[in-house]
Structures are given as C-alpha cells and as structure tokens.
C-alpha cells in the first residue's frame, strides 16, 4: 500500500519546515529562499506557500522586505494541519473496494475498519508538530539524528545490496 503524499503535500510539508526554522526571528522568507533550501520548483512554490497562507498557517507580505512566515508557533502547528492545507481533508471520499463487490447503497463491509484506520492516521498526524519536524530535519542535516534501520531508503538499499 502506498501512503506517500502527493507532490503538493510533499512540497507543503517541506515549505512549512523551512518557514518553521525562521519563525522565532519573525523574518519573512523569500519564495526563492524556501524553494532553494527545500529543493522545491521555484515556479510552483508560490502556490504551495499560498496554500499554507489560506489555511491560516503562514502569512504573506508584499514588498522588498516581504515574503512568507509562519503565523503560529511551529510547536502548535500539527503535521495534519499542514498536509490538509495542501491535500484537503484526509478522509476517504469513495468506497475502499474501488467498485468491487460493494453490495450496499450507503457503505460496504470494509467501511468501518477503513474509517477506524483513517481516524488512527489522523490522530497520529495531529500529534506531530511542525517544530518537531524542523528539529528532526536539522538533526538529519547535521548528522546528529540517528536514522532508524527501518528507514525506507536504508531498507531499500539492504534489499538491493544484500551482504
């Protein structure tokens, strides 16, 4: 099963982490700074930052000293809020069985289990703060964060390069 974000969601999380790093200084970051720091497409970054601003997570200011900054303390912004700013509500909008043997008008037999799993994911994402993501990201950059053996890139490398 693929639980990855769309490009839009991915970019929104990265842009939010970039803004979170500067939140304490109160300075505005230029679009090109966010794009460069987080390897985002410069032409698409304004749309991503606008999503964060529309959701009330970031603030835009025009002009020479303008740019974007977080509106709230990153310790009070959940990963769920950032993802939903870009992706919309994390809820299934169609039958999980994708047109399979769904014999009921209002729901299929899988619906209660899938709804519970979705709620568990939402609760989990709601407990992760933007501040904690920025801290991990800084630790990864500096080499201070210990990457777990279960990390997707390490696991994939082990599959392709067995000892």
Protein backbone atom coordinates (compact mmCIF):
# COMPACT_ATOMS: atom_id res chain seq x y z
CA UNK A 1 0.00 0.00 0.00
CA UNK A 2 1.30 3.43 -0.89
CA UNK A 3 0.90 6.04 1.86
CA UNK A 4 3.06 8.72 0.28
CA UNK A 5 1.91 12.30 -0.13
CA UNK A 6 1.17 13.87 -3.46
CA UNK A 7 3.78 16.32 -4.75
CA UNK A 8 1.60 19.14 -3.44
CA UNK A 9 1.50 17.65 0.06
CA UNK A 10 5.22 16.85 -0.01
CA UNK A 11 6.09 20.41 -1.06
CA UNK A 12 3.77 21.92 1.56
CA UNK A 13 5.45 19.96 4.36
CA UNK A 14 8.91 20.97 3.13
CA UNK A 15 7.91 24.63 2.76
CA UNK A 16 6.36 24.63 6.24
CA UNK A 17 9.56 23.18 7.72
CA UNK A 18 11.54 25.95 6.02
CA UNK A 19 9.25 28.64 7.44
CA UNK A 20 9.28 26.99 10.88
CA UNK A 21 13.06 27.37 11.05
CA UNK A 22 12.73 31.16 10.83
CA UNK A 23 9.63 31.59 12.98
CA UNK A 24 11.43 32.78 16.10
CA UNK A 25 13.26 35.53 14.21
CA UNK A 26 9.97 36.86 12.82
CA UNK A 27 11.58 37.48 9.45
CA UNK A 28 9.90 36.79 6.15
CA UNK A 29 11.48 34.29 3.77
CA UNK A 30 11.51 34.92 0.07
CA UNK A 31 9.92 32.35 -2.23
CA UNK A 32 13.28 31.62 -3.87
CA UNK A 33 14.86 31.06 -0.41
CA UNK A 34 12.22 28.50 0.54
CA UNK A 35 12.49 26.83 -2.87
CA UNK A 36 16.28 26.69 -2.77
CA UNK A 37 16.52 25.46 0.81
CA UNK A 38 13.98 22.69 0.34
CA UNK A 39 14.65 21.75 -3.32
CA UNK A 40 11.22 22.89 -4.49
CA UNK A 41 10.35 24.02 -8.02
CA UNK A 42 10.57 27.84 -7.93
CA UNK A 43 7.55 28.23 -10.23
CA UNK A 44 5.32 26.04 -8.02
CA UNK A 45 6.49 27.31 -4.61
CA UNK A 46 4.18 30.40 -4.60
CA UNK A 47 1.15 28.12 -4.94
CA UNK A 48 2.38 25.93 -2.09
CA UNK A 49 3.03 28.90 0.19
CA UNK A 50 -0.39 30.31 -0.72
CA UNK A 51 -1.99 27.05 0.45
CA UNK A 52 -0.31 27.50 3.83
CA UNK A 53 -1.44 31.14 3.98
CA UNK A 54 -5.08 30.29 3.06
CA UNK A 55 -5.09 27.70 5.83
CA UNK A 56 -4.01 30.36 8.33
CA UNK A 57 -0.63 28.72 8.92
CA UNK A 58 1.54 31.28 7.12
CA UNK A 59 1.41 34.97 6.39
CA UNK A 60 2.43 36.69 3.18
CA UNK A 61 3.79 40.20 2.93
CA UNK A 62 4.46 42.01 -0.32
CA UNK A 63 7.36 44.28 -0.98
CA UNK A 64 11.11 44.39 -0.70
CA UNK A 65 11.18 43.01 2.85
CA UNK A 66 8.26 40.72 2.19
CA UNK A 67 7.90 37.02 1.72
CA UNK A 68 6.29 34.38 3.91
CA UNK A 69 6.49 33.47 7.57
CA UNK A 70 4.66 31.19 9.97
CA UNK A 71 1.68 32.80 11.67
CA UNK A 72 1.75 30.48 14.66
CA UNK A 73 4.43 28.91 16.78
CA UNK A 74 5.51 25.71 14.96
CA UNK A 75 5.06 23.84 18.27
CA UNK A 76 1.30 24.47 17.91
CA UNK A 77 1.01 23.50 14.22
CA UNK A 78 0.34 19.82 13.56
CA UNK A 79 1.55 17.83 10.61
CA UNK A 80 -2.11 17.04 9.95
CA UNK A 81 -2.87 20.76 9.50
CA UNK A 82 -0.02 21.21 7.03
CA UNK A 83 -0.99 18.14 5.00
CA UNK A 84 -4.65 19.08 4.93
CA UNK A 85 -3.75 22.63 3.84
CA UNK A 86 -2.35 21.11 0.65
CA UNK A 87 -4.24 17.85 0.20
CA UNK A 88 -7.65 18.68 1.66
CA UNK A 89 -9.31 16.58 4.37
CA UNK A 90 -7.72 13.17 4.90
CA UNK A 91 -10.88 11.16 4.55
CA UNK A 92 -11.93 8.56 2.02
CA UNK A 93 -14.41 10.02 -0.43
CA UNK A 94 -15.19 6.78 -2.24
CA UNK A 95 -15.59 3.12 -1.48
CA UNK A 96 -12.35 1.44 -0.47
CA UNK A 97 -13.20 -1.58 -2.59
CA UNK A 98 -12.95 0.56 -5.75
CA UNK A 99 -16.02 -0.79 -7.41
CA UNK A 100 -15.55 -4.31 -6.09
CA UNK A 101 -18.31 -6.37 -4.50
CA UNK A 102 -19.89 -3.42 -2.67
CA UNK A 103 -23.49 -4.59 -2.44
CA UNK A 104 -24.79 -1.89 -0.15
CA UNK A 105 -26.05 1.52 -1.10
CA UNK A 106 -24.55 3.52 1.78
CA UNK A 107 -21.40 1.52 2.67
CA UNK A 108 -19.55 -1.74 2.22
CA UNK A 109 -18.44 -4.29 4.81
CA UNK A 110 -14.90 -2.83 4.80
CA UNK A 111 -16.07 0.71 5.64
CA UNK A 112 -15.94 0.54 9.47
CA UNK A 113 -12.41 -0.91 9.55
CA UNK A 114 -11.17 1.57 6.93
CA UNK A 115 -12.77 4.50 8.74
CA UNK A 116 -11.09 3.42 12.01
CA UNK A 117 -7.71 3.16 10.27
CA UNK A 118 -8.15 6.61 8.73
CA UNK A 119 -9.02 8.12 12.10
CA UNK A 120 -5.96 6.49 13.66
CA UNK A 121 -3.79 8.05 10.95
CA UNK A 122 -5.38 11.48 11.51
CA UNK A 123 -4.86 11.21 15.29
CA UNK A 124 -1.23 10.22 14.79
CA UNK A 125 -0.50 13.08 12.36
CA UNK A 126 -2.22 15.51 14.73
CA UNK A 127 0.32 14.66 17.46
CA UNK A 128 3.37 15.51 15.32
CA UNK A 129 4.27 19.20 15.44
CA UNK A 130 5.95 21.28 12.81
CA UNK A 131 8.57 22.19 15.44
CA UNK A 132 9.43 18.51 15.94
CA UNK A 133 9.77 18.01 12.17
CA UNK A 134 12.08 21.03 11.90
CA UNK A 135 14.16 19.63 14.77
CA UNK A 136 14.49 16.23 13.08
CA UNK A 137 15.30 17.90 9.76
CA UNK A 138 18.05 19.97 11.39
CA UNK A 139 19.39 16.81 13.06
CA UNK A 140 19.46 14.98 9.74
CA UNK A 141 21.33 17.87 8.12
CA UNK A 142 23.95 17.96 10.88
CA UNK A 143 24.24 14.18 11.21
CA UNK A 144 23.07 14.33 14.84
CA UNK A 145 19.80 12.47 14.21
CA UNK A 146 20.12 8.68 14.30
CA UNK A 147 18.41 7.22 11.25
CA UNK A 148 16.47 4.07 12.23
CA UNK A 149 17.22 0.81 10.42
CA UNK A 150 13.60 0.77 9.22
CA UNK A 151 14.07 3.99 7.20
CA UNK A 152 12.68 3.41 3.72
CA UNK A 153 15.91 4.25 1.89
CA UNK A 154 18.03 2.04 4.15
CA UNK A 155 15.57 -0.84 3.81
CA UNK A 156 15.56 -0.49 0.01
CA UNK A 157 19.37 -0.39 -0.10
CA UNK A 158 19.57 -3.56 2.00
CA UNK A 159 17.20 -5.33 -0.40
CA UNK A 160 19.29 -4.42 -3.44
CA UNK A 161 22.72 -4.89 -1.80
CA UNK A 162 22.49 -7.93 0.48
CA UNK A 163 25.71 -8.87 2.27
